[in-house]
């Protein structure tokens, strides 16, 4: 209340009388009269400020200039240009990618949005790719750039012609790789197991022999640097008989007994297996959980 009184006494000359109001006596008005004058003054256009009120909506383009929204869901016609659409080579894709920024030649009105243009093929592809990636949830934002770098690498370094070379979908690629590298034996067989609550779960079962042979035939894994020190992989014996320290599995007390029992004096290949397993069921999309 005290601050309102000080404001009324200090700024009394800023609140004038209405045109049809009678002139009040020279004595100071009461607090109620001053409050009534303030309310009346607030109803009139306020022009004492330094910035005029501006309707920013007047800068938006009119509805007559706005193009109709596209409602077509056909991706084949997503980027098809009409007869009245002009080609707009934004980045001069076909000639030089180091040209000046085209936005410097655009209109100075930031609200003058461009419509009805035909962007270059590179921009069309980027829009289409981003549209597909955005339709999937929980996708890393870097995936778009990695796909672009991958395409650029194969188009330039590997000389892949995407218009003539065959491109494979996921299932077709898996089948082709299995045939090329003879990996059909590594494909698991799905078995259905009934749980105690009578629900069914899908369990992938792998061929153990195929898995072991895939490891033994892998030159990157069957490298002497990966072998246990002091171990002969072909005979299963110690190469250093004086080494009595416990280290890898072949230094255990039961190793020689097990090797003699299963291999004897034959040329059998001794192979000790330490097996670990985790969840082996698949999720709702067929991937291993």
C-alpha atoms as a PDB file:
ATOM      1  CA  UNK A   1       0.000   0.000   0.000  1.00  0.00           C
ATOM      2  CA  UNK A   2       2.844   2.416   0.827  1.00  0.00           C
ATOM      3  CA  UNK A   3       4.507   1.776  -2.545  1.00  0.00           C
ATOM      4  CA  UNK A   4       1.214   2.460  -4.356  1.00  0.00           C
ATOM      5  CA  UNK A   5       0.834   5.761  -2.504  1.00  0.00           C
ATOM      6  CA  UNK A   6       4.379   6.828  -3.406  1.00  0.00           C
ATOM      7  CA  UNK A   7       3.744   5.881  -7.037  1.00  0.00           C
ATOM      8  CA  UNK A   8       0.539   7.893  -7.178  1.00  0.00           C
ATOM      9  CA  UNK A   9       2.148  11.008  -5.713  1.00  0.00           C
ATOM     10  CA  UNK A  10       5.254  10.755  -7.911  1.00  0.00           C
ATOM     11  CA  UNK A  11       3.588   9.848 -11.215  1.00  0.00           C
ATOM     12  CA  UNK A  12       0.377  11.801 -10.805  1.00  0.00           C
ATOM     13  CA  UNK A  13       1.015  13.772 -13.977  1.00  0.00           C
ATOM     14  CA  UNK A  14       1.107  10.586 -16.098  1.00  0.00           C
ATOM     15  CA  UNK A  15      -2.556   9.752 -15.580  1.00  0.00           C
ATOM     16  CA  UNK A  16      -4.737  12.324 -17.285  1.00  0.00           C
ATOM     17  CA  UNK A  17      -8.466  12.772 -17.032  1.00  0.00           C
ATOM     18  CA  UNK A  18     -10.832  11.293 -19.527  1.00  0.00           C
ATOM     19  CA  UNK A  19     -12.010  13.704 -22.276  1.00  0.00           C
ATOM     20  CA  UNK A  20     -15.592  13.858 -20.952  1.00  0.00           C
ATOM     21  CA  UNK A  21     -14.625  13.947 -17.268  1.00  0.00           C
ATOM     22  CA  UNK A  22     -15.092  17.031 -15.163  1.00  0.00           C
ATOM     23  CA  UNK A  23     -12.019  18.770 -13.782  1.00  0.00           C
ATOM     24  CA  UNK A  24     -11.389  17.826 -10.179  1.00  0.00           C
ATOM     25  CA  UNK A  25     -10.454  20.344  -7.490  1.00  0.00           C
ATOM     26  CA  UNK A  26      -6.837  21.231  -7.016  1.00  0.00           C
ATOM     27  CA  UNK A  27      -6.706  19.232  -3.832  1.00  0.00           C
ATOM     28  CA  UNK A  28      -5.096  15.801  -3.975  1.00  0.00           C
ATOM     29  CA  UNK A  29      -7.585  13.023  -4.771  1.00  0.00           C
ATOM     30  CA  UNK A  30      -8.207  10.271  -2.319  1.00  0.00           C
ATOM     31  CA  UNK A  31      -6.669   6.840  -2.690  1.00  0.00           C
ATOM     32  CA  UNK A  32      -9.885   5.363  -4.046  1.00  0.00           C
ATOM     33  CA  UNK A  33     -10.199   8.157  -6.637  1.00  0.00           C
ATOM     34  CA  UNK A  34      -6.602   7.672  -7.747  1.00  0.00           C
ATOM     35  CA  UNK A  35      -7.101   3.899  -8.096  1.00  0.00           C
ATOM     36  CA  UNK A  36     -10.220   4.543 -10.212  1.00  0.00           C
ATOM     37  CA  UNK A  37      -8.212   6.895 -12.470  1.00  0.00           C
ATOM     38  CA  UNK A  38      -5.539   4.239 -12.901  1.00  0.00           C
ATOM     39  CA  UNK A  39      -8.109   1.630 -13.958  1.00  0.00           C
ATOM     40  CA  UNK A  40      -9.650   4.057 -16.446  1.00  0.00           C
ATOM     41  CA  UNK A  41      -6.230   4.933 -17.833  1.00  0.00           C
ATOM     42  CA  UNK A  42      -5.378   1.283 -18.283  1.00  0.00           C
ATOM     43  CA  UNK A  43      -8.373   0.862 -20.573  1.00  0.00           C
ATOM     44  CA  UNK A  44      -7.017   3.455 -22.983  1.00  0.00           C
ATOM     45  CA  UNK A  45      -4.173   2.652 -25.471  1.00  0.00           C
ATOM     46  CA  UNK A  46      -0.877   2.982 -23.639  1.00  0.00           C
ATOM     47  CA  UNK A  47       1.632   5.086 -25.592  1.00  0.00           C
ATOM     48  CA  UNK A  48       4.110   6.044 -22.871  1.00  0.00           C
ATOM     49  CA  UNK A  49       6.450   3.102 -23.627  1.00  0.00           C
ATOM     50  CA  UNK A  50       9.484   3.246 -25.902  1.00  0.00           C
ATOM     51  CA  UNK A  51       8.588   0.147 -28.013  1.00  0.00           C
ATOM     52  CA  UNK A  52       5.336   0.078 -29.932  1.00  0.00           C
ATOM     53  CA  UNK A  53       3.215  -3.055 -29.839  1.00  0.00           C
ATOM     54  CA  UNK A  54       3.721  -5.033 -33.050  1.00  0.00           C
ATOM     55  CA  UNK A  55       1.618  -7.862 -34.366  1.00  0.00           C
ATOM     56  CA  UNK A  56       4.299 -10.329 -35.456  1.00  0.00           C
ATOM     57  CA  UNK A  57       1.745 -12.492 -37.226  1.00  0.00           C
ATOM     58  CA  UNK A  58       1.624  -9.920 -40.001  1.00  0.00           C
ATOM     59  CA  UNK A  59       5.087 -11.082 -41.141  1.00  0.00           C
ATOM     60  CA  UNK A  60       3.940 -14.648 -41.832  1.00  0.00           C
ATOM     61  CA  UNK A  61       3.150 -15.518 -45.468  1.00  0.00           C
ATOM     62  CA  UNK A  62      -0.463 -15.319 -46.442  1.00  0.00           C
ATOM     63  CA  UNK A  63      -2.564 -18.428 -46.973  1.00  0.00           C
ATOM     64  CA  UNK A  64      -2.702 -17.674 -50.670  1.00  0.00           C
ATOM     65  CA  UNK A  65       1.054 -18.144 -50.947  1.00  0.00           C
ATOM     66  CA  UNK A  66       1.142 -21.256 -48.785  1.00  0.00           C
ATOM     67  CA  UNK A  67       1.188 -24.510 -50.715  1.00  0.00           C
ATOM     68  CA  UNK A  68      -1.139 -27.413 -49.890  1.00  0.00           C
ATOM     69  CA  UNK A  69       0.200 -30.075 -47.557  1.00  0.00           C
ATOM     70  CA  UNK A  70       1.093 -33.389 -49.144  1.00  0.00           C
ATOM     71  CA  UNK A  71      -1.022 -36.354 -48.054  1.00  0.00           C
ATOM     72  CA  UNK A  72       0.469 -39.036 -50.299  1.00  0.00           C
ATOM     73  CA  UNK A  73       1.956 -42.073 -48.529  1.00  0.00           C
ATOM     74  CA  UNK A  74       3.539 -43.557 -51.612  1.00  0.00           C
ATOM     75  CA  UNK A  75       7.322 -43.365 -51.231  1.00  0.00           C
ATOM     76  CA  UNK A  76       7.817 -43.754 -54.958  1.00  0.00           C
ATOM     77  CA  UNK A  77       6.097 -40.407 -55.537  1.00  0.00           C
ATOM     78  CA  UNK A  78       7.476 -38.752 -52.415  1.00  0.00           C
ATOM     79  CA  UNK A  79       9.972 -36.621 -54.338  1.00  0.00           C
ATOM     80  CA  UNK A  80       8.252 -36.452 -57.723  1.00  0.00           C
ATOM     81  CA  UNK A  81       8.199 -32.894 -59.026  1.00  0.00           C
ATOM     82  CA  UNK A  82       5.278 -31.302 -60.845  1.00  0.00           C
ATOM     83  CA  UNK A  83       5.422 -29.325 -64.054  1.00  0.00           C
ATOM     84  CA  UNK A  84       5.359 -26.008 -62.220  1.00  0.00           C
ATOM     85  CA  UNK A  85       8.198 -26.964 -59.859  1.00  0.00           C
ATOM     86  CA  UNK A  86      11.624 -25.562 -60.643  1.00  0.00           C
ATOM     87  CA  UNK A  87      14.859 -27.436 -60.062  1.00  0.00           C
ATOM     88  CA  UNK A  88      16.728 -26.068 -57.086  1.00  0.00           C
ATOM     89  CA  UNK A  89      20.359 -27.193 -57.029  1.00  0.00           C
ATOM     90  CA  UNK A  90      21.023 -26.258 -53.421  1.00  0.00           C
ATOM     91  CA  UNK A  91      24.603 -27.425 -53.118  1.00  0.00           C
ATOM     92  CA  UNK A  92      25.479 -27.830 -56.807  1.00  0.00           C
ATOM     93  CA  UNK A  93      25.856 -31.596 -56.288  1.00  0.00           C
ATOM     94  CA  UNK A  94      26.862 -32.412 -59.825  1.00  0.00           C
ATOM     95  CA  UNK A  95      29.683 -29.919 -60.209  1.00  0.00           C
ATOM     96  CA  UNK A  96      31.301 -28.529 -57.090  1.00  0.00           C
ATOM     97  CA  UNK A  97      30.508 -29.064 -53.445  1.00  0.00           C
ATOM     98  CA  UNK A  98      32.618 -26.088 -52.300  1.00  0.00           C
ATOM     99  CA  UNK A  99      30.352 -23.310 -53.569  1.00  0.00           C
ATOM    100  CA  UNK A 100      29.217 -20.475 -51.371  1.00  0.00           C
ATOM    101  CA  UNK A 101      26.360 -21.004 -49.012  1.00  0.00           C
ATOM    102  CA  UNK A 102      23.162 -20.560 -51.055  1.00  0.00           C
ATOM    103  CA  UNK A 103      21.434 -18.960 -48.107  1.00  0.00           C
ATOM    104  CA  UNK A 104      23.412 -15.768 -48.757  1.00  0.00           C
ATOM    105  CA  UNK A 105      21.451 -15.233 -51.965  1.00  0.00           C
ATOM    106  CA  UNK A 106      18.084 -15.977 -50.414  1.00  0.00           C
ATOM    107  CA  UNK A 107      15.564 -13.352 -49.516  1.00  0.00           C
ATOM    108  CA  UNK A 108      16.384 -11.240 -46.482  1.00  0.00           C
ATOM    109  CA  UNK A 109      12.920 -11.943 -45.096  1.00  0.00           C
ATOM    110  CA  UNK A 110      13.425 -14.915 -42.770  1.00  0.00           C
ATOM    111  CA  UNK A 111       9.719 -15.711 -42.906  1.00  0.00           C
ATOM    112  CA  UNK A 112       9.675 -16.112 -46.684  1.00  0.00           C
ATOM    113  CA  UNK A 113       9.749 -19.915 -46.712  1.00  0.00           C
ATOM    114  CA  UNK A 114      10.578 -21.665 -49.965  1.00  0.00           C
ATOM    115  CA  UNK A 115       8.002 -24.053 -51.432  1.00  0.00           C
ATOM    116  CA  UNK A 116       7.612 -25.932 -54.665  1.00  0.00           C
ATOM    117  CA  UNK A 117      11.323 -26.656 -55.245  1.00  0.00           C
ATOM    118  CA  UNK A 118      13.008 -29.774 -56.575  1.00  0.00           C
ATOM    119  CA  UNK A 119      16.100 -30.466 -54.393  1.00  0.00           C
ATOM    120  CA  UNK A 120      19.129 -32.297 -55.816  1.00  0.00           C
ATOM    121  CA  UNK A 121      19.308 -36.120 -55.622  1.00  0.00           C
ATOM    122  CA  UNK A 122      21.663 -36.076 -52.644  1.00  0.00           C
ATOM    123  CA  UNK A 123      19.212 -34.037 -50.569  1.00  0.00           C
ATOM    124  CA  UNK A 124      16.313 -36.278 -51.644  1.00  0.00           C
ATOM    125  CA  UNK A 125      18.218 -39.358 -50.533  1.00  0.00           C
ATOM    126  CA  UNK A 126      19.124 -37.744 -47.201  1.00  0.00           C
ATOM    127  CA  UNK A 127      15.490 -36.814 -46.529  1.00  0.00           C
ATOM    128  CA  UNK A 128      14.304 -40.299 -47.434  1.00  0.00           C
ATOM    129  CA  UNK A 129      16.975 -41.970 -45.270  1.00  0.00           C
ATOM    130  CA  UNK A 130      16.275 -39.713 -42.296  1.00  0.00           C
ATOM    131  CA  UNK A 131      12.559 -40.400 -42.664  1.00  0.00           C
ATOM    132  CA  UNK A 132      13.143 -44.168 -42.485  1.00  0.00           C
ATOM    133  CA  UNK A 133      15.555 -43.940 -39.536  1.00  0.00           C
ATOM    134  CA  UNK A 134      13.213 -41.655 -37.612  1.00  0.00           C
ATOM    135  CA  UNK A 135      10.374 -44.160 -37.993  1.00  0.00           C
ATOM    136  CA  UNK A 136      12.276 -46.546 -35.676  1.00  0.00           C
ATOM    137  CA  UNK A 137      12.508 -45.983 -31.957  1.00  0.00           C
ATOM    138  CA  UNK A 138      15.718 -45.896 -29.889  1.00  0.00           C
ATOM    139  CA  UNK A 139      18.018 -45.346 -32.864  1.00  0.00           C
ATOM    140  CA  UNK A 140      21.418 -43.738 -32.333  1.00  0.00           C
ATOM    141  CA  UNK A 141      21.638 -40.275 -33.902  1.00  0.00           C
ATOM    142  CA  UNK A 142      25.043 -41.190 -35.361  1.00  0.00           C
ATOM    143  CA  UNK A 143      23.509 -43.962 -37.464  1.00  0.00           C
ATOM    144  CA  UNK A 144      22.628 -41.531 -40.259  1.00  0.00           C
ATOM    145  CA  UNK A 145      26.216 -40.270 -40.611  1.00  0.00           C
ATOM    146  CA  UNK A 146      27.610 -43.817 -40.441  1.00  0.00           C
ATOM    147  CA  UNK A 147      25.319 -44.932 -43.279  1.00  0.00           C
ATOM    148  CA  UNK A 148      26.337 -41.929 -45.378  1.00  0.00           C
ATOM    149  CA  UNK A 149      30.047 -42.651 -44.744  1.00  0.00           C
ATOM    150  CA  UNK A 150      29.512 -46.322 -45.604  1.00  0.00           C
ATOM    151  CA  UNK A 151      27.825 -45.515 -48.921  1.00  0.00           C
ATOM    152  CA  UNK A 152      30.501 -42.957 -49.786  1.00  0.00           C
ATOM    153  CA  UNK A 153      33.272 -45.470 -48.990  1.00  0.00           C
ATOM    154  CA  UNK A 154      31.847 -48.230 -51.185  1.00  0.00           C
ATOM    155  CA  UNK A 155      30.928 -45.832 -53.986  1.00  0.00           C
ATOM    156  CA  UNK A 156      34.421 -44.320 -54.170  1.00  0.00           C
ATOM    157  CA  UNK A 157      36.951 -46.793 -52.755  1.00  0.00           C
ATOM    158  CA  UNK A 158      35.262 -50.089 -53.625  1.00  0.00           C
ATOM    159  CA  UNK A 159      33.758 -48.706 -56.850  1.00  0.00           C
ATOM    160  CA  UNK A 160      30.338 -50.154 -56.052  1.00  0.00           C
ATOM    161  CA  UNK A 161      27.712 -49.165 -58.592  1.00  0.00           C
ATOM    162  CA  UNK A 162      24.481 -49.072 -56.629  1.00  0.00           C
ATOM    163  CA  UNK A 163      22.415 -48.792 -59.791  1.00  0.00           C
ATOM    164  CA  UNK A 164      23.705 -52.044 -61.333  1.00  0.00           C
ATOM    165  CA  UNK A 165      25.176 -54.171 -58.514  1.00  0.00           C
ATOM    166  CA  UNK A 166      22.777 -56.415 -56.656  1.00  0.00           C
ATOM    167  CA  UNK A 167      21.919 -55.315 -53.131  1.00  0.00           C
ATOM    168  CA  UNK A 168      20.821 -57.913 -50.584  1.00  0.00           C
ATOM    169  CA  UNK A 169      18.207 -57.686 -47.882  1.00  0.00           C
ATOM    170  CA  UNK A 170      19.023 -59.035 -44.433  1.00  0.00           C
ATOM    171  CA  UNK A 171      17.701 -62.602 -44.802  1.00  0.00           C
ATOM    172  CA  UNK A 172      19.000 -62.945 -48.350  1.00  0.00           C
ATOM    173  CA  UNK A 173      22.440 -61.700 -47.270  1.00  0.00           C
ATOM    174  CA  UNK A 174      22.593 -64.261 -44.431  1.00  0.00           C
ATOM    175  CA  UNK A 175      21.701 -67.095 -46.809  1.00  0.00           C
ATOM    176  CA  UNK A 176      24.240 -65.957 -49.395  1.00  0.00           C
ATOM    177  CA  UNK A 177      27.045 -65.692 -46.827  1.00  0.00           C
ATOM    178  CA  UNK A 178      26.221 -69.157 -45.493  1.00  0.00           C
ATOM    179  CA  UNK A 179      26.537 -70.603 -48.982  1.00  0.00           C
ATOM    180  CA  UNK A 180      29.710 -68.722 -49.887  1.00  0.00           C
ATOM    181  CA  UNK A 181      31.601 -69.566 -46.679  1.00  0.00           C
ATOM    182  CA  UNK A 182      29.933 -72.958 -46.019  1.00  0.00           C
ATOM    183  CA  UNK A 183      28.503 -71.823 -42.704  1.00  0.00           C
ATOM    184  CA  UNK A 184      25.243 -73.754 -42.878  1.00  0.00           C
ATOM    185  CA  UNK A 185      26.400 -75.998 -40.027  1.00  0.00           C
ATOM    186  CA  UNK A 186      26.501 -73.031 -37.647  1.00  0.00           C
ATOM    187  CA  UNK A 187      22.813 -72.313 -38.099  1.00  0.00           C
ATOM    188  CA  UNK A 188      20.972 -73.254 -34.900  1.00  0.00           C
ATOM    189  CA  UNK A 189      17.908 -75.442 -34.772  1.00  0.00           C
ATOM    190  CA  UNK A 190      14.984 -73.974 -32.875  1.00  0.00           C
ATOM    191  CA  UNK A 191      13.334 -76.209 -30.289  1.00  0.00           C
ATOM    192  CA  UNK A 192      10.242 -75.462 -28.279  1.00  0.00           C
ATOM    193  CA  UNK A 193      10.353 -76.232 -24.561  1.00  0.00           C
ATOM    194  CA  UNK A 194       7.315 -76.333 -22.274  1.00  0.00           C
ATOM    195  CA  UNK A 195       7.871 -74.623 -18.929  1.00  0.00           C
ATOM    196  CA  UNK A 196       6.272 -75.467 -15.606  1.00  0.00           C
ATOM    197  CA  UNK A 197       3.510 -72.928 -16.214  1.00  0.00           C
ATOM    198  CA  UNK A 198       2.736 -74.659 -19.562  1.00  0.00           C
ATOM    199  CA  UNK A 199       4.114 -71.725 -21.571  1.00  0.00           C
ATOM    200  CA  UNK A 200       6.375 -72.346 -24.567  1.00  0.00           C
ATOM    201  CA  UNK A 201       9.828 -70.850 -25.078  1.00  0.00           C
ATOM    202  CA  UNK A 202      12.046 -71.105 -28.132  1.00  0.00           C
ATOM    203  CA  UNK A 203      15.542 -72.473 -27.486  1.00  0.00           C
ATOM    204  CA  UNK A 204      18.203 -72.362 -30.238  1.00  0.00           C
ATOM    205  CA  UNK A 205      20.375 -75.505 -30.267  1.00  0.00           C
ATOM    206  CA  UNK A 206      23.776 -75.337 -31.986  1.00  0.00           C
ATOM    207  CA  UNK A 207      25.848 -78.135 -33.463  1.00  0.00           C
ATOM    208  CA  UNK A 208      28.768 -78.458 -31.013  1.00  0.00           C
ATOM    209  CA  UNK A 209      31.072 -80.086 -33.568  1.00  0.00           C
ATOM    210  CA  UNK A 210      30.476 -77.316 -36.101  1.00  0.00           C
ATOM    211  CA  UNK A 211      31.127 -74.636 -33.477  1.00  0.00           C
ATOM    212  CA  UNK A 212      34.400 -76.274 -32.337  1.00  0.00           C
ATOM    213  CA  UNK A 213      35.643 -76.753 -35.892  1.00  0.00           C
ATOM    214  CA  UNK A 214      34.861 -73.146 -36.724  1.00  0.00           C
ATOM    215  CA  UNK A 215      37.195 -72.131 -33.869  1.00  0.00           C
ATOM    216  CA  UNK A 216      39.975 -74.576 -34.793  1.00  0.00           C
ATOM    217  CA  UNK A 217      39.888 -73.523 -38.453  1.00  0.00           C
ATOM    218  CA  UNK A 218      40.059 -69.830 -37.632  1.00  0.00           C
ATOM    219  CA  UNK A 219      43.659 -68.661 -38.318  1.00  0.00           C
ATOM    220  CA  UNK A 220      43.206 -65.557 -36.159  1.00  0.00           C
ATOM    221  CA  UNK A 221      42.293 -67.620 -33.101  1.00  0.00           C
ATOM    222  CA  UNK A 222      44.649 -70.561 -33.720  1.00  0.00           C
ATOM    223  CA  UNK A 223      47.650 -68.332 -33.306  1.00  0.00           C
ATOM    224  CA  UNK A 224      50.687 -69.358 -31.197  1.00  0.00           C
ATOM    225  CA  UNK A 225      50.318 -66.158 -29.188  1.00  0.00           C
ATOM    226  CA  UNK A 226      46.923 -67.452 -27.988  1.00  0.00           C
ATOM    227  CA  UNK A 227      48.280 -70.846 -26.831  1.00  0.00           C
ATOM    228  CA  UNK A 228      49.120 -71.610 -23.236  1.00  0.00           C
ATOM    229  CA  UNK A 229      52.855 -71.383 -22.512  1.00  0.00           C
ATOM    230  CA  UNK A 230      54.614 -74.763 -22.371  1.00  0.00           C
ATOM    231  CA  UNK A 231      51.796 -76.683 -24.089  1.00  0.00           C
ATOM    232  CA  UNK A 232      51.917 -78.831 -27.238  1.00  0.00           C
ATOM    233  CA  UNK A 233      48.520 -78.459 -28.897  1.00  0.00           C
ATOM    234  CA  UNK A 234      48.922 -81.648 -30.986  1.00  0.00           C
ATOM    235  CA  UNK A 235      49.936 -84.086 -28.239  1.00  0.00           C
ATOM    236  CA  UNK A 236      48.604 -82.366 -25.157  1.00  0.00           C
ATOM    237  CA  UNK A 237      51.912 -82.726 -23.305  1.00  0.00           C
ATOM    238  CA  UNK A 238      54.097 -80.237 -21.483  1.00  0.00           C
ATOM    239  CA  UNK A 239      57.060 -78.926 -23.431  1.00  0.00           C
ATOM    240  CA  UNK A 240      58.785 -77.863 -20.247  1.00  0.00           C
ATOM    241  CA  UNK A 241      58.826 -80.782 -17.792  1.00  0.00           C
ATOM    242  CA  UNK A 242      60.546 -78.682 -15.134  1.00  0.00           C
ATOM    243  CA  UNK A 243      57.625 -76.271 -14.913  1.00  0.00           C
ATOM    244  CA  UNK A 244      55.633 -77.552 -11.936  1.00  0.00           C
ATOM    245  CA  UNK A 245      53.579 -74.396 -11.334  1.00  0.00           C
ATOM    246  CA  UNK A 246      49.823 -74.509 -11.702  1.00  0.00           C
ATOM    247  CA  UNK A 247      48.823 -72.356 -14.640  1.00  0.00           C
ATOM    248  CA  UNK A 248      46.484 -73.363 -17.446  1.00  0.00           C
ATOM    249  CA  UNK A 249      44.336 -76.502 -17.571  1.00  0.00           C
ATOM    250  CA  UNK A 250      47.172 -78.734 -18.831  1.00  0.00           C
ATOM    251  CA  UNK A 251      49.144 -78.111 -15.624  1.00  0.00           C
ATOM    252  CA  UNK A 252      46.411 -79.587 -13.426  1.00  0.00           C
ATOM    253  CA  UNK A 253      46.885 -82.852 -11.539  1.00  0.00           C
ATOM    254  CA  UNK A 254      44.141 -84.689 -13.483  1.00  0.00           C
ATOM    255  CA  UNK A 255      45.255 -83.573 -16.969  1.00  0.00           C
ATOM    256  CA  UNK A 256      47.672 -86.406 -17.766  1.00  0.00           C
ATOM    257  CA  UNK A 257      45.230 -89.003 -16.412  1.00  0.00           C
ATOM    258  CA  UNK A 258      42.395 -87.683 -18.583  1.00  0.00           C
ATOM    259  CA  UNK A 259      44.596 -87.404 -21.658  1.00  0.00           C
ATOM    260  CA  UNK A 260      45.868 -90.992 -21.303  1.00  0.00           C
ATOM    261  CA  UNK A 261      42.329 -92.274 -20.775  1.00  0.00           C
ATOM    262  CA  UNK A 262      40.747 -90.604 -23.823  1.00  0.00           C
ATOM    263  CA  UNK A 263      43.703 -90.399 -26.219  1.00  0.00           C
ATOM    264  CA  UNK A 264      46.133 -93.106 -25.141  1.00  0.00           C
ATOM    265  CA  UNK A 265      49.026 -93.572 -27.525  1.00  0.00           C
ATOM    266  CA  UNK A 266      46.972 -92.756 -30.621  1.00  0.00           C
ATOM    267  CA  UNK A 267      47.176 -89.622 -32.694  1.00  0.00           C
ATOM    268  CA  UNK A 268      43.947 -88.328 -31.245  1.00  0.00           C
ATOM    269  CA  UNK A 269      43.826 -84.576 -30.831  1.00  0.00           C
ATOM    270  CA  UNK A 270      43.394 -83.651 -27.153  1.00  0.00           C
ATOM    271  CA  UNK A 271      40.972 -80.821 -26.607  1.00  0.00           C
ATOM    272  CA  UNK A 272      39.937 -79.615 -23.185  1.00  0.00           C
ATOM    273  CA  UNK A 273      36.630 -77.800 -23.064  1.00  0.00           C
ATOM    274  CA  UNK A 274      35.462 -75.341 -20.452  1.00  0.00           C
ATOM    275  CA  UNK A 275      31.805 -74.661 -21.165  1.00  0.00           C
ATOM    276  CA  UNK A 276      29.826 -71.654 -20.012  1.00  0.00           C
ATOM    277  CA  UNK A 277      26.316 -70.779 -21.012  1.00  0.00           C
ATOM    278  CA  UNK A 278      23.901 -67.936 -20.458  1.00  0.00           C
ATOM    279  CA  UNK A 279      20.350 -67.246 -21.519  1.00  0.00           C
ATOM    280  CA  UNK A 280      19.692 -68.984 -24.813  1.00  0.00           C
ATOM    281  CA  UNK A 281      16.105 -68.047 -25.604  1.00  0.00           C
ATOM    282  CA  UNK A 282      15.117 -65.602 -28.332  1.00  0.00           C
ATOM    283  CA  UNK A 283      13.200 -62.386 -27.954  1.00  0.00           C
ATOM    284  CA  UNK A 284       9.979 -61.399 -29.672  1.00  0.00           C
ATOM    285  CA  UNK A 285      11.862 -60.412 -32.846  1.00  0.00           C
ATOM    286  CA  UNK A 286      13.812 -63.676 -33.268  1.00  0.00           C
ATOM    287  CA  UNK A 287      17.151 -62.352 -31.981  1.00  0.00           C
ATOM    288  CA  UNK A 288      19.119 -64.177 -29.329  1.00  0.00           C
ATOM    289  CA  UNK A 289      18.403 -62.764 -25.907  1.00  0.00           C
END
